[in-house]
């Protein structure tokens, strides 16, 4: 609609909230064509709403029914999916806790459940200028070392 960045301040001044607008907002609104159009639009809206606005009045005879309607809406049970989502969330949390406890306390020493170790038959690398060493530790696990040439540059942290 408009390109001026001070429309918020002009609207605040129009609504009587001068504390939210800088002091020179009135002078700016008088000289800026975007702000002048915006003020005219705001005045047209306010005048139009004022012309059709009806103020509802609750008489003494209607007051009891009015309050009964309010109490009825306040005391009405809330319908919706809130109970379903609460139950679903609690069920999911219980399943996650059960799986975590199983993973922590399960006995995985059964040989049928254990995964066999990977056997390194021959180490090989397509990197040029590197050598590969294999060492078997005391526990039987293989340790593979990739050694680069002394004058080579490696990117990243060592």
N, C-alpha and C. Protein backbone atom coordinates (compact mmCIF):
# COMPACT_ATOMS: atom_id res chain seq x y z
N UNK A 1 0.84 -1.19 0.00
CA UNK A 1 0.00 0.00 0.00
C UNK A 1 0.88 1.24 0.00
N UNK A 2 1.69 1.42 1.03
CA UNK A 2 2.50 2.63 1.14
C UNK A 2 3.95 2.23 1.37
N UNK A 3 4.83 3.13 0.99
CA UNK A 3 6.25 2.87 1.11
C UNK A 3 6.88 3.51 2.35
N UNK A 4 6.16 4.39 3.01
CA UNK A 4 6.71 5.10 4.16
C UNK A 4 6.83 4.15 5.34
N UNK A 5 7.92 4.24 6.04
CA UNK A 5 8.15 3.36 7.18
C UNK A 5 7.64 3.89 8.50
N UNK A 6 6.95 5.00 8.48
CA UNK A 6 6.50 5.60 9.74
C UNK A 6 4.99 5.49 9.92
N UNK A 7 4.35 4.57 9.20
CA UNK A 7 2.89 4.43 9.30
C UNK A 7 2.46 3.98 10.69
N UNK A 8 3.28 3.17 11.34
CA UNK A 8 2.96 2.73 12.70
C UNK A 8 2.88 3.94 13.64
N UNK A 9 3.81 4.86 13.50
CA UNK A 9 3.82 6.06 14.34
C UNK A 9 2.63 6.96 14.02
N UNK A 10 2.28 7.07 12.75
CA UNK A 10 1.13 7.88 12.35
C UNK A 10 -0.15 7.29 12.92
N UNK A 11 -0.27 5.95 12.88
CA UNK A 11 -1.45 5.30 13.44
C UNK A 11 -1.52 5.50 14.95
N UNK A 12 -0.38 5.44 15.62
CA UNK A 12 -0.36 5.67 17.07
C UNK A 12 -0.80 7.09 17.38
N UNK A 13 -0.32 8.05 16.61
CA UNK A 13 -0.73 9.44 16.81
C UNK A 13 -2.22 9.61 16.55
N UNK A 14 -2.76 8.95 15.52
CA UNK A 14 -4.18 9.02 15.18
C UNK A 14 -5.04 8.44 16.30
N UNK A 15 -4.53 7.37 16.96
CA UNK A 15 -5.28 6.72 18.05
C UNK A 15 -5.13 7.45 19.38
N UNK A 16 -4.36 8.51 19.41
CA UNK A 16 -4.19 9.27 20.64
C UNK A 16 -3.09 8.72 21.53
N UNK A 17 -2.22 7.91 20.97
CA UNK A 17 -1.10 7.36 21.72
C UNK A 17 0.18 8.08 21.30
N UNK A 18 0.24 9.33 21.59
CA UNK A 18 1.36 10.17 21.15
C UNK A 18 2.67 9.74 21.79
N UNK A 19 2.62 9.05 22.92
CA UNK A 19 3.86 8.62 23.58
C UNK A 19 4.60 7.57 22.75
N UNK A 20 3.88 6.85 21.89
CA UNK A 20 4.51 5.82 21.06
C UNK A 20 5.11 6.39 19.78
N UNK A 21 4.83 7.62 19.48
CA UNK A 21 5.31 8.23 18.23
C UNK A 21 6.37 9.27 18.55
N UNK A 22 7.36 9.42 17.67
CA UNK A 22 8.36 10.48 17.85
C UNK A 22 7.70 11.85 17.78
N UNK A 23 8.33 12.87 18.34
CA UNK A 23 7.70 14.20 18.39
C UNK A 23 7.43 14.82 17.02
N UNK A 24 8.20 14.47 15.99
CA UNK A 24 8.01 15.11 14.69
C UNK A 24 7.04 14.34 13.78
N UNK A 25 6.25 13.42 14.34
CA UNK A 25 5.35 12.61 13.53
C UNK A 25 4.24 13.44 12.90
N UNK A 26 3.70 14.42 13.62
CA UNK A 26 2.62 15.25 13.07
C UNK A 26 3.11 16.06 11.87
N UNK A 27 4.31 16.63 11.97
CA UNK A 27 4.84 17.39 10.83
C UNK A 27 5.13 16.46 9.66
N UNK A 28 5.63 15.25 9.94
CA UNK A 28 5.92 14.30 8.88
C UNK A 28 4.62 13.88 8.17
N UNK A 29 3.57 13.62 8.95
CA UNK A 29 2.30 13.18 8.36
C UNK A 29 1.70 14.26 7.47
N UNK A 30 1.96 15.52 7.79
CA UNK A 30 1.43 16.61 6.98
C UNK A 30 2.18 16.76 5.65
N UNK A 31 3.44 16.35 5.59
CA UNK A 31 4.24 16.53 4.37
C UNK A 31 4.38 15.26 3.54
N UNK A 32 4.19 14.11 4.12
CA UNK A 32 4.38 12.83 3.41
C UNK A 32 3.07 12.42 2.73
N UNK A 33 3.05 12.19 1.42
CA UNK A 33 1.81 11.82 0.73
C UNK A 33 1.30 10.44 1.16
N UNK A 34 2.20 9.49 1.44
CA UNK A 34 1.77 8.16 1.89
C UNK A 34 1.07 8.25 3.25
N UNK A 35 1.65 9.02 4.14
CA UNK A 35 1.06 9.17 5.47
C UNK A 35 -0.26 9.93 5.40
N UNK A 36 -0.36 10.92 4.52
CA UNK A 36 -1.61 11.67 4.36
C UNK A 36 -2.72 10.75 3.85
N UNK A 37 -2.39 9.89 2.86
CA UNK A 37 -3.38 8.92 2.37
C UNK A 37 -3.77 7.94 3.47
N UNK A 38 -2.80 7.50 4.25
CA UNK A 38 -3.07 6.57 5.34
C UNK A 38 -3.98 7.19 6.40
N UNK A 39 -3.71 8.46 6.75
CA UNK A 39 -4.56 9.16 7.72
C UNK A 39 -5.98 9.33 7.18
N UNK A 40 -6.11 9.66 5.90
CA UNK A 40 -7.45 9.79 5.30
C UNK A 40 -8.19 8.46 5.34
N UNK A 41 -7.47 7.39 5.07
CA UNK A 41 -8.07 6.05 5.11
C UNK A 41 -8.51 5.71 6.54
N UNK A 42 -7.68 6.02 7.53
CA UNK A 42 -8.05 5.76 8.92
C UNK A 42 -9.27 6.58 9.34
N UNK A 43 -9.32 7.84 8.92
CA UNK A 43 -10.49 8.68 9.25
C UNK A 43 -11.76 8.12 8.60
N UNK A 44 -11.66 7.67 7.34
CA UNK A 44 -12.80 7.10 6.65
C UNK A 44 -13.29 5.83 7.37
N UNK A 45 -12.37 4.98 7.81
CA UNK A 45 -12.76 3.77 8.54
C UNK A 45 -13.42 4.11 9.87
N UNK A 46 -12.84 5.06 10.60
CA UNK A 46 -13.41 5.44 11.89
C UNK A 46 -14.81 6.03 11.72
N UNK A 47 -14.99 6.89 10.72
CA UNK A 47 -16.30 7.49 10.47
C UNK A 47 -17.32 6.43 10.05
N UNK A 48 -16.89 5.47 9.22
CA UNK A 48 -17.80 4.42 8.78
C UNK A 48 -18.23 3.51 9.91
N UNK A 49 -17.32 3.15 10.76
CA UNK A 49 -17.65 2.30 11.90
C UNK A 49 -18.52 3.06 12.89
N UNK A 50 -18.24 4.34 13.07
CA UNK A 50 -19.05 5.14 13.98
C UNK A 50 -20.48 5.30 13.50
N UNK A 51 -20.68 5.30 12.19
CA UNK A 51 -22.02 5.48 11.65
C UNK A 51 -22.89 4.25 11.83
N UNK A 52 -22.29 3.05 11.83
CA UNK A 52 -23.09 1.83 11.92
C UNK A 52 -23.02 1.16 13.28
N UNK A 53 -22.22 1.68 14.16
CA UNK A 53 -22.03 1.02 15.46
C UNK A 53 -23.28 1.15 16.31
N UNK A 54 -23.71 0.04 16.88
CA UNK A 54 -24.82 0.03 17.82
C UNK A 54 -24.30 -0.46 19.15
N UNK A 55 -24.67 0.23 20.17
CA UNK A 55 -24.25 -0.16 21.50
C UNK A 55 -25.35 -1.02 22.11
N UNK A 56 -24.99 -2.26 22.44
CA UNK A 56 -25.97 -3.15 23.05
C UNK A 56 -26.18 -2.81 24.51
N UNK A 57 -27.41 -2.82 24.94
CA UNK A 57 -27.73 -2.51 26.32
C UNK A 57 -28.48 -3.69 26.91
N UNK A 58 -28.02 -4.17 28.05
CA UNK A 58 -28.70 -5.25 28.75
C UNK A 58 -29.55 -4.61 29.84
N UNK A 59 -30.85 -4.76 29.71
CA UNK A 59 -31.76 -4.16 30.70
C UNK A 59 -31.84 -5.07 31.93
N UNK A 60 -32.47 -4.57 32.98
CA UNK A 60 -32.58 -5.34 34.22
C UNK A 60 -33.34 -6.64 34.01
N UNK A 61 -34.32 -6.66 33.15
CA UNK A 61 -35.08 -7.89 32.90
C UNK A 61 -34.27 -8.93 32.15
N UNK A 62 -33.31 -8.50 31.38
CA UNK A 62 -32.49 -9.43 30.61
C UNK A 62 -31.22 -9.87 31.34
N UNK A 63 -30.91 -9.22 32.45
CA UNK A 63 -29.63 -9.45 33.10
C UNK A 63 -29.49 -10.88 33.62
N UNK A 64 -30.55 -11.43 34.19
CA UNK A 64 -30.49 -12.80 34.72
C UNK A 64 -30.20 -13.81 33.61
N UNK A 65 -30.90 -13.70 32.48
CA UNK A 65 -30.66 -14.60 31.35
C UNK A 65 -29.26 -14.39 30.78
N UNK A 66 -28.81 -13.16 30.78
CA UNK A 66 -27.47 -12.85 30.29
C UNK A 66 -26.42 -13.57 31.14
N UNK A 67 -26.53 -13.48 32.45
CA UNK A 67 -25.57 -14.15 33.34
C UNK A 67 -25.70 -15.67 33.26
N UNK A 68 -26.94 -16.18 33.09
CA UNK A 68 -27.12 -17.63 32.94
C UNK A 68 -26.39 -18.13 31.69
N UNK A 69 -26.46 -17.38 30.63
CA UNK A 69 -25.75 -17.76 29.41
C UNK A 69 -24.24 -17.77 29.60
N UNK A 70 -23.75 -16.80 30.36
CA UNK A 70 -22.31 -16.77 30.64
C UNK A 70 -21.92 -17.97 31.49
N UNK A 71 -22.70 -18.26 32.55
CA UNK A 71 -22.39 -19.41 33.41
C UNK A 71 -22.46 -20.73 32.63
N UNK A 72 -23.42 -20.83 31.73
CA UNK A 72 -23.57 -22.05 30.93
C UNK A 72 -22.34 -22.28 30.05
N UNK A 73 -21.81 -21.21 29.47
CA UNK A 73 -20.62 -21.35 28.63
C UNK A 73 -19.37 -21.64 29.46
N UNK A 74 -19.30 -21.07 30.66
CA UNK A 74 -18.14 -21.31 31.51
C UNK A 74 -18.14 -22.74 32.03
N UNK A 75 -19.30 -23.25 32.44
CA UNK A 75 -19.38 -24.57 33.02
C UNK A 75 -19.42 -25.69 32.00
N UNK A 76 -19.57 -25.37 30.72
CA UNK A 76 -19.66 -26.41 29.69
C UNK A 76 -18.32 -27.13 29.58
N UNK A 77 -18.36 -28.46 29.45
CA UNK A 77 -17.10 -29.20 29.31
C UNK A 77 -16.43 -28.87 27.98
N UNK A 78 -15.13 -28.87 28.01
CA UNK A 78 -14.36 -28.56 26.82
C UNK A 78 -14.29 -29.83 25.97
N UNK A 79 -14.77 -29.73 24.76
CA UNK A 79 -14.69 -30.87 23.86
C UNK A 79 -13.48 -30.70 22.96
N UNK A 80 -12.99 -31.79 22.51
CA UNK A 80 -11.88 -31.73 21.58
C UNK A 80 -10.98 -32.94 21.72
N UNK A 81 -9.83 -32.78 21.19
CA UNK A 81 -8.87 -33.87 21.13
C UNK A 81 -7.86 -33.81 22.27
N UNK A 82 -8.06 -32.94 23.23
CA UNK A 82 -7.08 -32.77 24.30
C UNK A 82 -6.84 -34.07 25.06
N UNK A 83 -7.89 -34.79 25.41
CA UNK A 83 -7.72 -36.03 26.17
C UNK A 83 -6.98 -37.07 25.33
N UNK A 84 -7.32 -37.16 24.03
CA UNK A 84 -6.66 -38.12 23.16
C UNK A 84 -5.17 -37.84 23.07
N UNK A 85 -4.79 -36.57 22.84
CA UNK A 85 -3.38 -36.25 22.69
C UNK A 85 -2.63 -36.42 24.00
N UNK A 86 -3.28 -36.16 25.12
CA UNK A 86 -2.64 -36.38 26.41
C UNK A 86 -2.36 -37.87 26.60
N UNK A 87 -3.35 -38.70 26.31
CA UNK A 87 -3.17 -40.14 26.45
C UNK A 87 -2.12 -40.65 25.47
N UNK A 88 -2.12 -40.16 24.24
CA UNK A 88 -1.13 -40.59 23.26
C UNK A 88 0.28 -40.18 23.68
N UNK A 89 0.43 -38.99 24.22
CA UNK A 89 1.75 -38.52 24.66
C UNK A 89 2.25 -39.35 25.84
N UNK A 90 1.38 -39.63 26.78
CA UNK A 90 1.78 -40.43 27.93
C UNK A 90 2.14 -41.86 27.52
N UNK A 91 1.40 -42.42 26.57
CA UNK A 91 1.71 -43.77 26.09
C UNK A 91 3.06 -43.79 25.38
N UNK A 92 3.32 -42.80 24.54
CA UNK A 92 4.60 -42.74 23.85
C UNK A 92 5.75 -42.58 24.83
N UNK A 93 5.57 -41.76 25.86
CA UNK A 93 6.61 -41.58 26.87
C UNK A 93 6.86 -42.88 27.63
N UNK A 94 5.80 -43.61 27.96
CA UNK A 94 5.96 -44.88 28.67
C UNK A 94 6.68 -45.91 27.80
N UNK A 95 6.37 -45.95 26.51
CA UNK A 95 7.04 -46.89 25.61
C UNK A 95 8.52 -46.54 25.50
N UNK A 96 8.85 -45.26 25.37
CA UNK A 96 10.26 -44.85 25.29
C UNK A 96 11.02 -45.19 26.56
N UNK A 97 10.40 -44.98 27.70
CA UNK A 97 11.06 -45.32 28.97
C UNK A 97 11.27 -46.82 29.07
N UNK A 98 10.27 -47.60 28.67
CA UNK A 98 10.40 -49.05 28.72
C UNK A 98 11.52 -49.53 27.79
N UNK A 99 11.62 -48.97 26.59
CA UNK A 99 12.69 -49.36 25.67
C UNK A 99 14.06 -48.97 26.21
N UNK A 100 14.15 -47.79 26.80
CA UNK A 100 15.43 -47.36 27.38
C UNK A 100 15.85 -48.26 28.52
N UNK A 101 14.91 -48.62 29.40
CA UNK A 101 15.23 -49.52 30.50
C UNK A 101 15.63 -50.90 29.99
N UNK A 102 14.97 -51.37 28.95
CA UNK A 102 15.33 -52.66 28.37
C UNK A 102 16.75 -52.62 27.81
N UNK A 103 17.08 -51.53 27.12
CA UNK A 103 18.42 -51.41 26.54
C UNK A 103 19.49 -51.34 27.62
N UNK A 104 19.17 -50.74 28.76
CA UNK A 104 20.15 -50.61 29.84
C UNK A 104 20.31 -51.92 30.60
N UNK A 105 19.20 -52.59 30.92
CA UNK A 105 19.25 -53.75 31.81
C UNK A 105 19.18 -55.10 31.10
N UNK A 106 19.04 -55.13 29.80
CA UNK A 106 18.94 -56.42 29.09
C UNK A 106 20.29 -57.12 29.11
N UNK A 107 20.25 -58.43 29.15
CA UNK A 107 21.46 -59.24 29.16
C UNK A 107 21.79 -59.60 27.72
N UNK A 108 22.81 -58.96 27.18
CA UNK A 108 23.19 -59.22 25.80
C UNK A 108 24.37 -60.20 25.74
N UNK A 109 24.60 -60.98 26.79
CA UNK A 109 25.72 -61.91 26.79
C UNK A 109 25.39 -63.22 26.08
N UNK A 110 24.16 -63.40 25.66
CA UNK A 110 23.76 -64.59 24.93
C UNK A 110 24.53 -64.63 23.60
N UNK A 111 25.27 -65.71 23.31
CA UNK A 111 26.06 -65.76 22.08
C UNK A 111 25.22 -65.65 20.81
N UNK A 112 23.95 -66.06 20.87
CA UNK A 112 23.11 -65.96 19.68
C UNK A 112 22.79 -64.51 19.35
N UNK A 113 22.86 -63.62 20.34
CA UNK A 113 22.53 -62.21 20.12
C UNK A 113 23.75 -61.36 19.78
N UNK A 114 24.92 -61.86 19.99
CA UNK A 114 26.12 -61.06 19.75
C UNK A 114 26.46 -61.03 18.28
N UNK A 115 27.02 -59.93 17.87
CA UNK A 115 27.45 -59.74 16.48
C UNK A 115 28.92 -60.12 16.41
N UNK A 116 29.26 -60.85 15.38
CA UNK A 116 30.66 -61.23 15.23
C UNK A 116 31.48 -60.01 14.84
N UNK A 117 32.72 -60.00 15.27
CA UNK A 117 33.61 -58.89 14.98
C UNK A 117 33.99 -58.90 13.50
N UNK A 118 34.27 -57.75 12.97
CA UNK A 118 34.72 -57.64 11.60
C UNK A 118 36.17 -58.07 11.53
N UNK A 119 36.47 -58.94 10.60
CA UNK A 119 37.83 -59.42 10.45
C UNK A 119 38.48 -58.64 9.32
N UNK A 120 39.63 -58.01 9.63
CA UNK A 120 40.37 -57.26 8.63
C UNK A 120 41.34 -58.23 7.97
N UNK A 121 41.10 -58.52 6.69
CA UNK A 121 41.98 -59.47 5.99
C UNK A 121 43.18 -58.75 5.40
N UNK A 122 42.94 -57.63 4.71
CA UNK A 122 44.04 -56.89 4.11
C UNK A 122 43.62 -55.43 4.03
N UNK A 123 44.32 -54.55 4.71
CA UNK A 123 43.96 -53.13 4.62
C UNK A 123 44.40 -52.57 3.28
N UNK A 124 43.56 -51.66 2.75
CA UNK A 124 43.85 -51.07 1.46
C UNK A 124 43.28 -49.65 1.46
N UNK A 125 43.97 -48.74 0.78
CA UNK A 125 43.49 -47.37 0.67
C UNK A 125 43.76 -46.85 -0.73
N UNK A 126 42.84 -46.05 -1.23
CA UNK A 126 43.03 -45.43 -2.53
C UNK A 126 43.71 -44.07 -2.42
N UNK A 127 44.06 -43.67 -1.21
CA UNK A 127 44.76 -42.40 -1.02
C UNK A 127 46.20 -42.56 -1.48
N UNK A 128 46.69 -41.60 -2.24
CA UNK A 128 48.07 -41.69 -2.72
C UNK A 128 49.00 -41.10 -1.67
N UNK A 129 50.13 -41.76 -1.50
CA UNK A 129 51.14 -41.25 -0.59
C UNK A 129 50.90 -41.59 0.86
N UNK A 130 50.05 -42.55 1.15
CA UNK A 130 49.83 -42.95 2.54
C UNK A 130 50.20 -44.42 2.69
N UNK A 131 50.57 -44.77 3.90
CA UNK A 131 50.82 -46.17 4.21
C UNK A 131 49.85 -46.58 5.32
N UNK A 132 49.51 -47.85 5.32
CA UNK A 132 48.55 -48.35 6.29
C UNK A 132 49.24 -49.41 7.13
N UNK A 133 49.11 -49.27 8.44
CA UNK A 133 49.65 -50.24 9.39
C UNK A 133 48.50 -50.85 10.17
N UNK A 134 48.62 -52.14 10.43
CA UNK A 134 47.62 -52.85 11.22
C UNK A 134 48.32 -53.43 12.43
N UNK A 135 47.75 -53.19 13.60
CA UNK A 135 48.28 -53.75 14.83
C UNK A 135 47.16 -54.48 15.55
N UNK A 136 47.45 -55.64 16.05
CA UNK A 136 46.48 -56.42 16.81
C UNK A 136 46.80 -56.19 18.29
N UNK A 137 45.83 -55.70 19.02
CA UNK A 137 46.03 -55.42 20.43
C UNK A 137 45.98 -56.68 21.29
N UNK A 138 46.26 -56.53 22.59
CA UNK A 138 46.25 -57.66 23.51
C UNK A 138 44.86 -58.27 23.64
N UNK A 139 43.83 -57.45 23.43
CA UNK A 139 42.46 -57.96 23.53
C UNK A 139 41.98 -58.59 22.23
N UNK A 140 42.82 -58.62 21.20
CA UNK A 140 42.46 -59.24 19.94
C UNK A 140 41.81 -58.29 18.95
N UNK A 141 41.65 -57.02 19.30
CA UNK A 141 41.04 -56.05 18.40
C UNK A 141 42.09 -55.46 17.48
N UNK A 142 41.72 -55.25 16.23
CA UNK A 142 42.64 -54.69 15.25
C UNK A 142 42.58 -53.17 15.31
N UNK A 143 43.74 -52.54 15.23
CA UNK A 143 43.84 -51.09 15.17
C UNK A 143 44.50 -50.76 13.84
N UNK A 144 43.85 -49.92 13.05
CA UNK A 144 44.37 -49.57 11.72
C UNK A 144 44.86 -48.13 11.78
N UNK A 145 46.12 -47.94 11.35
CA UNK A 145 46.73 -46.62 11.33
C UNK A 145 46.93 -46.20 9.88
N UNK A 146 46.52 -45.00 9.52
CA UNK A 146 46.76 -44.42 8.20
C UNK A 146 47.82 -43.35 8.38
N UNK A 147 48.97 -43.56 7.79
CA UNK A 147 50.12 -42.65 7.95
C UNK A 147 50.31 -41.88 6.66
N UNK A 148 50.43 -40.58 6.76
CA UNK A 148 50.68 -39.78 5.58
C UNK A 148 52.16 -39.48 5.45
N UNK A 149 52.55 -39.05 4.27
CA UNK A 149 53.95 -38.71 4.03
C UNK A 149 54.33 -37.51 4.88
N UNK A 150 55.60 -37.42 5.30
CA UNK A 150 55.99 -36.32 6.20
C UNK A 150 55.81 -34.93 5.62
N UNK A 151 55.88 -34.76 4.31
CA UNK A 151 55.75 -33.43 3.74
C UNK A 151 54.34 -33.18 3.18
N UNK A 152 53.39 -34.02 3.47
CA UNK A 152 52.04 -33.87 2.96
C UNK A 152 51.24 -32.95 3.88
N UNK A 153 50.24 -32.30 3.33
CA UNK A 153 49.39 -31.38 4.10
C UNK A 153 48.01 -32.00 4.21
N UNK A 154 47.51 -32.12 5.42
CA UNK A 154 46.16 -32.64 5.67
C UNK A 154 45.28 -31.47 6.07
N UNK A 155 44.09 -31.42 5.52
CA UNK A 155 43.15 -30.37 5.88
C UNK A 155 42.32 -30.84 7.05
N UNK A 156 42.02 -29.97 7.94
CA UNK A 156 41.21 -30.31 9.10
C UNK A 156 42.10 -30.45 10.31
N UNK A 157 41.48 -30.87 11.39
CA UNK A 157 42.23 -31.03 12.63
C UNK A 157 42.82 -32.43 12.69
N UNK A 158 44.00 -32.60 13.28
CA UNK A 158 44.62 -33.92 13.34
C UNK A 158 43.88 -34.84 14.30
